[in-house]
Amino acid sequence: MNEISTALAQAGQSFWLDNITRALLRQGGLAAYLRDAGISGLTSNPTIFEHAIRNSSDYDAAIRAAGDSNAEAVFFDLALDDLRAAADVFAPVYARTSGADGWVSLEVSPLLADDAATTVAQAVQLHERAARPNLFIKVPGTHAGVEAIETLIHRGVPVNVTLLFDARQYRAAAAAYLRGLEHRMDAGLSLDVASVASVFISRWDVKVADKVPAEMRNKLGLAVAAQIYRDYQDVLASARMQRLMNRGARPQRLLWASTGSKDPKASDTLYVDNLVAPLTINTMPEKTLRAALDHGRLDTPMATHGDAYAPLLARFAELGFEVEAVANTLQKEGAAAFVASWHSLLDSITQRKGKAA
């Protein structure tokens, strides 16, 4: 294993790849990352699949073979094929870690972000169709999404909660996970239902980059992450969580997402070097993963106490960037961006079906 991956493992952090393409699977790239770099999971989202399908011909034959199926149905067929293959690559990791690691993720349609009932129905169907124990269904941490998460955990569907931005949104997702487990406990069901809570980091700094003094740039994301990690520790230490763990539950792990640095003047491993903490996951775009393996520095411990950033957050608030309000905006913008990618993705599939005809 690479020196960086070994250091992360010793620190108690897993690192995953935030990307999937058919070429990565079929040409052995994903297996090589597992073997040589030590990655232990994979995440995907509508934007990743939109880029993969639009920028290659690898999916054309399958699209042509789909006949008259609508574009959304074709997409889920393609995505499930890819993610089953990825899940099989990580199956040994899943087995070796007793289900703590070795996961892949598939997102429900972003058009359902405000529809809890349909989210549940689609998530259950996708998980059954995937037929892989190490596949998360991604559900956004919106108000409706939180409602769906509780129901899905109750029904035994592993969930990756996505589009979380601040401590309040994280706490809502964690509470939904706990409620779902408690329903299972009351029903006498197994509590071994996994979940991760995915917190987006870099978008904070993009949002304020041109509106704050130079010395405050690229610091808001790390400050908010410290707040969230503090709350994460509180959840893990709570009597509620420990009561469930005593009955066989596993903790919902915290996952750092959107960890590619967007500022060319900042380190390209900014959100790797500074987010190393026990019982967490960092999912990295391929470019960031390669940078981290090449020259990442893990000698700066993460600030795991939110209070350490209180003066800085107060300065941001004085400039009009109050965390809760900005988090709400970022979640809405993130959901809208996934919808735009979704429409672009379906348009690409429709166009290629038309060419095949």
Protein backbone atom coordinates (compact mmCIF):
# COMPACT_ATOMS: atom_id res chain seq x y z
CA MET A 1 0.00 0.00 0.00
CA ASN A 2 1.01 3.61 -0.58
CA GLU A 3 2.56 5.51 2.34
CA ILE A 4 -0.37 7.92 2.44
CA SER A 5 -2.99 5.18 2.43
CA THR A 6 -1.14 3.43 5.24
CA ALA A 7 -1.06 6.62 7.29
CA LEU A 8 -4.80 7.17 6.75
CA ALA A 9 -5.55 3.60 7.78
CA GLN A 10 -3.48 4.02 10.94
CA ALA A 11 -5.40 7.22 11.69
CA GLY A 12 -8.67 5.28 11.47
CA GLN A 13 -9.89 6.88 8.24
CA SER A 14 -11.02 5.12 5.06
CA PHE A 15 -10.63 6.73 1.68
CA TRP A 16 -12.88 6.08 -1.28
CA LEU A 17 -12.94 7.10 -4.92
CA ASP A 18 -15.60 9.61 -5.94
CA ASN A 19 -15.89 8.49 -9.54
CA ILE A 20 -17.01 5.63 -11.75
CA THR A 21 -16.72 4.98 -15.47
CA ARG A 22 -17.11 1.82 -17.51
CA ALA A 23 -13.52 2.17 -18.68
CA LEU A 24 -12.27 2.35 -15.09
CA LEU A 25 -14.05 -0.92 -14.40
CA ARG A 26 -13.25 -2.82 -17.60
CA GLN A 27 -9.63 -1.74 -17.97
CA GLY A 28 -8.73 -2.69 -14.42
CA GLY A 29 -8.21 0.81 -13.07
CA LEU A 30 -10.53 0.37 -10.10
CA ALA A 31 -8.98 -2.95 -9.12
CA ALA A 32 -5.55 -1.32 -9.37
CA TYR A 33 -6.60 1.51 -7.04
CA LEU A 34 -7.75 -1.10 -4.54
CA ARG A 35 -4.63 -3.21 -4.87
CA ASP A 36 -1.97 -0.52 -5.09
CA ALA A 37 -3.46 2.51 -3.34
CA GLY A 38 -5.69 0.88 -0.75
CA ILE A 39 -8.97 2.61 -1.57
CA SER A 40 -11.83 0.78 0.11
CA GLY A 41 -15.03 2.08 -1.49
CA LEU A 42 -16.60 4.20 -4.19
CA THR A 43 -19.25 6.90 -4.50
CA SER A 44 -21.21 8.12 -7.52
CA ASN A 45 -23.76 10.81 -8.25
CA PRO A 46 -25.77 12.07 -11.25
CA THR A 47 -23.01 14.45 -12.31
CA ILE A 48 -20.40 11.68 -12.34
CA PHE A 49 -22.59 9.43 -14.48
CA GLU A 50 -23.55 12.32 -16.76
CA HIS A 51 -19.87 12.97 -17.48
CA ALA A 52 -19.11 9.26 -17.91
CA ILE A 53 -21.88 8.69 -20.44
CA ARG A 54 -21.56 11.99 -22.31
CA ASN A 55 -17.77 11.84 -22.66
CA SER A 56 -17.31 8.30 -23.91
CA SER A 57 -18.77 5.75 -26.29
CA ASP A 58 -18.53 2.97 -23.70
CA TYR A 59 -22.26 2.98 -23.05
CA ASP A 60 -23.50 3.29 -26.63
CA ALA A 61 -23.99 -0.42 -27.31
CA ALA A 62 -26.05 -0.88 -24.14
CA ILE A 63 -28.11 2.21 -24.97
CA ARG A 64 -28.81 0.86 -28.46
CA ALA A 65 -29.77 -2.52 -27.02
CA ALA A 66 -32.31 -0.91 -24.69
CA GLY A 67 -34.77 -0.41 -27.52
CA ASP A 68 -37.84 1.64 -26.59
CA SER A 69 -37.13 1.90 -22.86
CA ASN A 70 -37.36 5.46 -21.52
CA ALA A 71 -34.14 7.31 -20.74
CA GLU A 72 -34.44 7.06 -16.96
CA ALA A 73 -34.96 3.29 -17.12
CA VAL A 74 -31.96 2.98 -19.44
CA PHE A 75 -29.83 5.02 -17.07
CA PHE A 76 -30.63 2.90 -14.04
CA ASP A 77 -29.87 -0.23 -16.05
CA LEU A 78 -26.46 1.20 -17.00
CA ALA A 79 -25.71 2.45 -13.49
CA LEU A 80 -26.70 -0.81 -11.84
CA ASP A 81 -24.47 -2.76 -14.24
CA ASP A 82 -21.51 -0.54 -13.35
CA LEU A 83 -22.15 -0.52 -9.62
CA ARG A 84 -22.71 -4.26 -9.38
CA ALA A 85 -19.29 -4.69 -11.00
CA ALA A 86 -17.75 -2.15 -8.61
CA ALA A 87 -19.43 -3.81 -5.62
CA ASP A 88 -17.88 -7.11 -6.69
CA VAL A 89 -14.43 -5.50 -6.81
CA PHE A 90 -14.87 -4.34 -3.22
CA ALA A 91 -16.58 -7.51 -1.97
CA PRO A 92 -13.36 -8.84 -0.35
CA VAL A 93 -12.98 -5.55 1.56
CA TYR A 94 -16.60 -5.73 2.66
CA ALA A 95 -16.07 -9.29 3.91
CA ARG A 96 -12.74 -8.56 5.60
CA THR A 97 -14.12 -5.55 7.49
CA SER A 98 -17.44 -7.22 8.38
CA GLY A 99 -19.33 -4.62 6.37
CA ALA A 100 -17.61 -1.52 7.74
CA ASP A 101 -15.95 -0.80 4.39
CA GLY A 102 -16.11 -1.93 0.78
CA TRP A 103 -19.23 0.02 -0.22
CA VAL A 104 -20.44 1.59 -3.47
CA SER A 105 -23.32 4.07 -3.82
CA LEU A 106 -26.20 4.70 -6.24
CA GLU A 107 -28.37 7.80 -5.97
CA VAL A 108 -32.13 7.95 -6.38
CA SER A 109 -33.45 10.37 -8.97
CA PRO A 110 -32.70 13.94 -7.85
CA LEU A 111 -36.19 14.88 -9.06
CA LEU A 112 -37.48 13.17 -5.89
CA ALA A 113 -35.69 15.41 -3.36
CA ASP A 114 -39.01 16.71 -2.01
CA ASP A 115 -41.00 13.48 -2.32
CA ALA A 116 -40.43 11.09 0.57
CA ALA A 117 -42.87 8.37 -0.47
CA THR A 118 -41.57 8.03 -4.02
CA THR A 119 -37.98 8.20 -2.78
CA VAL A 120 -38.67 5.21 -0.53
CA ALA A 121 -40.33 3.26 -3.32
CA GLN A 122 -37.50 3.89 -5.79
CA ALA A 123 -34.77 3.24 -3.21
CA VAL A 124 -36.27 -0.11 -2.20
CA GLN A 125 -36.63 -1.13 -5.84
CA LEU A 126 -33.07 -0.13 -6.75
CA HIS A 127 -31.58 -1.91 -3.76
CA GLU A 128 -33.47 -5.09 -4.58
CA ARG A 129 -32.44 -4.90 -8.24
CA ALA A 130 -28.78 -4.32 -7.34
CA ALA A 131 -28.75 -7.54 -5.30
CA ARG A 132 -25.47 -6.59 -3.62
CA PRO A 133 -25.14 -6.27 0.18
CA ASN A 134 -22.44 -3.59 -0.16
CA LEU A 135 -24.45 -1.07 -2.18
CA PHE A 136 -25.72 2.10 -0.50
CA ILE A 137 -28.70 3.97 -1.84
CA LYS A 138 -27.99 7.71 -1.76
CA VAL A 139 -30.78 9.92 -0.46
CA PRO A 140 -30.44 13.71 -0.05
CA GLY A 141 -30.63 15.18 3.44
CA THR A 142 -33.56 17.44 2.54
CA HIS A 143 -36.67 17.58 4.73
CA ALA A 144 -38.39 14.89 2.64
CA GLY A 145 -35.15 12.96 2.35
CA VAL A 146 -34.79 12.74 6.13
CA GLU A 147 -38.31 11.32 6.34
CA ALA A 148 -37.39 8.75 3.70
CA ILE A 149 -34.14 7.82 5.47
CA GLU A 150 -35.95 6.82 8.65
CA THR A 151 -38.33 4.59 6.67
CA LEU A 152 -35.56 3.04 4.57
CA ILE A 153 -33.42 2.16 7.58
CA HIS A 154 -36.50 0.65 9.22
CA ARG A 155 -36.96 -1.44 6.08
CA GLY A 156 -33.32 -2.55 6.09
CA VAL A 157 -32.02 -0.53 3.13
CA PRO A 158 -28.45 0.82 3.64
CA VAL A 159 -28.42 4.57 3.05
CA ASN A 160 -25.77 7.10 2.12
CA VAL A 161 -27.22 10.46 3.17
CA THR A 162 -25.97 13.04 0.69
CA LEU A 163 -26.04 16.84 0.32
CA LEU A 164 -25.34 17.61 3.98
CA PHE A 165 -23.60 20.90 4.66
CA ASP A 166 -23.75 21.89 8.33
CA ALA A 167 -24.12 20.44 11.82
CA ARG A 168 -27.88 20.99 11.92
CA GLN A 169 -28.41 19.05 8.69
CA TYR A 170 -26.05 16.32 9.91
CA ARG A 171 -27.91 15.99 13.21
CA ALA A 172 -31.22 15.59 11.36
CA ALA A 173 -29.75 12.79 9.26
CA ALA A 174 -28.24 11.08 12.31
CA ALA A 175 -31.54 11.31 14.18
CA ALA A 176 -33.37 9.74 11.23
CA TYR A 177 -30.89 6.87 11.24
CA LEU A 178 -31.37 6.34 14.97
CA ARG A 179 -35.15 6.41 14.67
CA GLY A 180 -35.04 3.85 11.88
CA LEU A 181 -32.91 1.54 14.02
CA GLU A 182 -35.20 2.02 17.02
CA HIS A 183 -38.18 0.98 14.90
CA ARG A 184 -36.29 -2.15 13.94
CA MET A 185 -35.38 -2.83 17.56
CA ASP A 186 -39.03 -2.48 18.62
CA ALA A 187 -39.98 -4.94 15.88
CA GLY A 188 -37.33 -7.45 16.95
CA LEU A 189 -35.33 -7.05 13.72
CA SER A 190 -31.57 -7.08 13.21
CA LEU A 191 -29.95 -3.68 13.76
CA ASP A 192 -27.11 -4.39 11.34
CA VAL A 193 -28.15 -1.78 8.76
CA ALA A 194 -25.29 0.45 7.61
CA SER A 195 -25.35 4.15 6.79
CA VAL A 196 -22.97 7.01 6.10
CA ALA A 197 -23.62 10.74 6.36
CA SER A 198 -21.92 12.62 3.50
CA VAL A 199 -20.90 16.20 4.27
CA PHE A 200 -19.90 18.45 1.36
CA ILE A 201 -16.87 20.60 2.16
CA SER A 202 -15.33 22.53 -0.75
CA ARG A 203 -18.56 24.22 -1.80
CA TRP A 204 -18.42 26.35 1.35
CA ASP A 205 -15.18 27.96 0.25
CA VAL A 206 -16.32 28.38 -3.34
CA LYS A 207 -19.43 30.18 -2.09
CA VAL A 208 -17.48 32.86 -0.21
CA ALA A 209 -14.19 32.96 -2.14
CA ASP A 210 -14.64 36.38 -3.73
CA LYS A 211 -16.48 37.96 -0.82
CA VAL A 212 -14.02 37.60 2.06
CA PRO A 213 -10.47 38.85 2.77
CA ALA A 214 -7.65 36.73 1.40
CA GLU A 215 -6.68 35.43 4.83
CA MET A 216 -10.17 33.95 5.29
CA ARG A 217 -10.31 32.02 2.04
CA ASN A 218 -10.39 28.22 2.09
CA LYS A 219 -11.10 28.15 5.82
CA LEU A 220 -14.89 28.08 6.11
CA GLY A 221 -15.27 24.47 4.93
CA LEU A 222 -12.77 23.21 7.49
CA ALA A 223 -14.40 25.27 10.25
CA VAL A 224 -17.82 23.81 9.51
CA ALA A 225 -16.32 20.31 9.29
CA ALA A 226 -14.92 20.74 12.81
CA GLN A 227 -18.36 21.69 14.09
CA ILE A 228 -19.90 18.64 12.45
CA TYR A 229 -17.22 16.30 13.74
CA ARG A 230 -17.85 17.55 17.27
CA ASP A 231 -21.54 16.72 16.90
CA TYR A 232 -20.61 13.36 15.37
CA GLN A 233 -18.58 12.54 18.47
CA ASP A 234 -21.55 13.53 20.64
CA VAL A 235 -23.84 11.17 18.68
CA LEU A 236 -21.36 8.30 19.02
CA ALA A 237 -21.06 8.90 22.76
CA SER A 238 -24.78 9.26 23.36
CA ALA A 239 -26.67 6.75 25.48
CA ARG A 240 -29.13 6.37 22.60
CA MET A 241 -26.46 5.28 20.12
CA GLN A 242 -24.67 3.06 22.61
CA ARG A 243 -27.92 1.35 23.59
CA LEU A 244 -28.49 0.50 19.94
CA MET A 245 -24.88 -0.62 19.48
CA ASN A 246 -25.30 -2.93 22.45
CA ARG A 247 -28.10 -4.59 20.49
CA GLY A 248 -25.97 -5.03 17.38
CA ALA A 249 -26.14 -1.67 15.57
CA ARG A 250 -23.15 -0.06 13.92
CA PRO A 251 -22.53 3.70 14.00
CA GLN A 252 -23.47 5.79 11.00
CA ARG A 253 -20.06 6.87 9.73
CA LEU A 254 -19.20 10.43 8.76
CA LEU A 255 -18.04 10.88 5.17
CA TRP A 256 -16.25 13.94 3.83
CA ALA A 257 -17.43 14.63 0.26
CA SER A 258 -16.68 17.36 -2.27
CA THR A 259 -13.04 17.21 -1.23
CA GLY A 260 -11.43 18.37 -4.45
CA SER A 261 -9.85 21.80 -3.99
CA LYS A 262 -11.45 24.36 -6.33
CA ASP A 263 -8.94 27.19 -5.70
CA PRO A 264 -5.86 26.93 -7.96
CA LYS A 265 -3.90 28.94 -5.37
CA ALA A 266 -4.66 26.43 -2.61
CA SER A 267 -3.11 23.03 -2.04
CA ASP A 268 -4.74 20.37 -4.19
CA THR A 269 -4.82 18.14 -1.10
CA LEU A 270 -6.27 20.79 1.23
CA TYR A 271 -9.39 18.75 2.08
CA VAL A 272 -7.41 15.54 2.51
CA ASP A 273 -4.57 16.77 4.68
CA ASN A 274 -6.84 18.66 7.08
CA LEU A 275 -9.75 16.23 7.48
CA VAL A 276 -8.03 13.17 8.91
CA ALA A 277 -10.04 11.91 11.87
CA PRO A 278 -10.96 8.50 13.32
CA LEU A 279 -14.06 6.65 12.13
CA THR A 280 -14.49 8.82 9.04
CA ILE A 281 -14.28 8.39 5.28
CA ASN A 282 -12.86 10.78 2.70
CA THR A 283 -14.22 10.21 -0.81
CA MET A 284 -12.00 11.89 -3.38
CA PRO A 285 -12.28 12.75 -7.07
CA GLU A 286 -9.71 10.84 -9.08
CA LYS A 287 -7.49 13.89 -9.56
CA THR A 288 -7.46 14.58 -5.82
CA LEU A 289 -6.80 10.93 -5.02
CA ARG A 290 -3.74 10.91 -7.26
CA ALA A 291 -2.47 14.14 -5.73
CA ALA A 292 -2.93 12.78 -2.20
CA LEU A 293 -1.07 9.59 -3.06
CA ASP A 294 1.74 11.61 -4.62
CA HIS A 295 2.30 14.43 -2.14
CA GLY A 296 -0.38 14.49 0.53
CA ARG A 297 0.67 15.71 3.97
CA LEU A 298 -1.05 14.24 6.99
CA ASP A 299 1.00 15.92 9.71
CA THR A 300 -1.66 18.52 10.58
CA PRO A 301 -4.25 17.00 12.94
CA MET A 302 -7.83 17.91 12.16
CA ALA A 303 -9.36 20.47 14.50
CA THR A 304 -11.97 18.20 16.03
CA HIS A 305 -13.44 20.75 18.40
CA GLY A 306 -15.91 23.12 16.79
CA ASP A 307 -15.27 25.74 19.45
CA ALA A 308 -11.71 26.14 18.14
CA TYR A 309 -13.22 27.82 15.08
CA ALA A 310 -15.76 29.97 16.93
CA PRO A 311 -13.87 33.29 16.45
CA LEU A 312 -13.41 32.60 12.72
CA LEU A 313 -17.06 31.66 12.27
CA ALA A 314 -18.04 34.85 14.10
CA ARG A 315 -16.00 36.83 11.56
CA PHE A 316 -17.76 35.09 8.70
CA ALA A 317 -21.11 35.90 10.33
CA GLU A 318 -20.14 39.57 10.57
CA LEU A 319 -19.55 39.52 6.81
CA GLY A 320 -23.05 38.11 6.27
CA PHE A 321 -22.17 34.42 6.09
CA GLU A 322 -24.11 32.83 8.93
CA VAL A 323 -23.60 29.08 8.78
CA GLU A 324 -27.19 27.85 8.92
CA ALA A 325 -28.44 30.25 6.25
CA VAL A 326 -25.55 29.49 3.90
CA ALA A 327 -26.00 25.74 4.46
CA ASN A 328 -29.65 25.99 3.41
CA THR A 329 -28.61 27.81 0.25
CA LEU A 330 -25.87 25.31 -0.52
CA GLN A 331 -28.23 22.36 -0.11
CA LYS A 332 -30.78 23.92 -2.46
CA GLU A 333 -28.08 24.76 -5.00
CA GLY A 334 -26.60 21.27 -4.73
CA ALA A 335 -29.99 19.66 -5.32
CA ALA A 336 -30.59 21.96 -8.30
CA ALA A 337 -27.17 21.12 -9.75
CA PHE A 338 -27.95 17.40 -9.56
CA VAL A 339 -31.30 18.01 -11.28
CA ALA A 340 -29.51 19.86 -14.09
CA SER A 341 -27.03 17.00 -14.46
CA TRP A 342 -29.91 14.53 -14.42
CA HIS A 343 -31.69 16.28 -17.29
CA SER A 344 -28.42 16.53 -19.25
CA LEU A 345 -27.77 12.85 -18.62
CA LEU A 346 -31.22 11.79 -19.83
CA ASP A 347 -30.91 14.08 -22.86
CA SER A 348 -27.59 12.42 -23.78
CA ILE A 349 -29.18 8.98 -23.55
CA THR A 350 -32.18 10.08 -25.63
CA GLN A 351 -29.93 11.57 -28.31
CA ARG A 352 -27.87 8.40 -28.56
CA LYS A 353 -30.99 6.27 -28.76
CA GLY A 354 -32.11 8.50 -31.63
CA LYS A 355 -28.82 8.02 -33.46
CA ALA A 356 -29.10 4.27 -33.01
CA ALA A 357 -32.57 4.30 -34.55
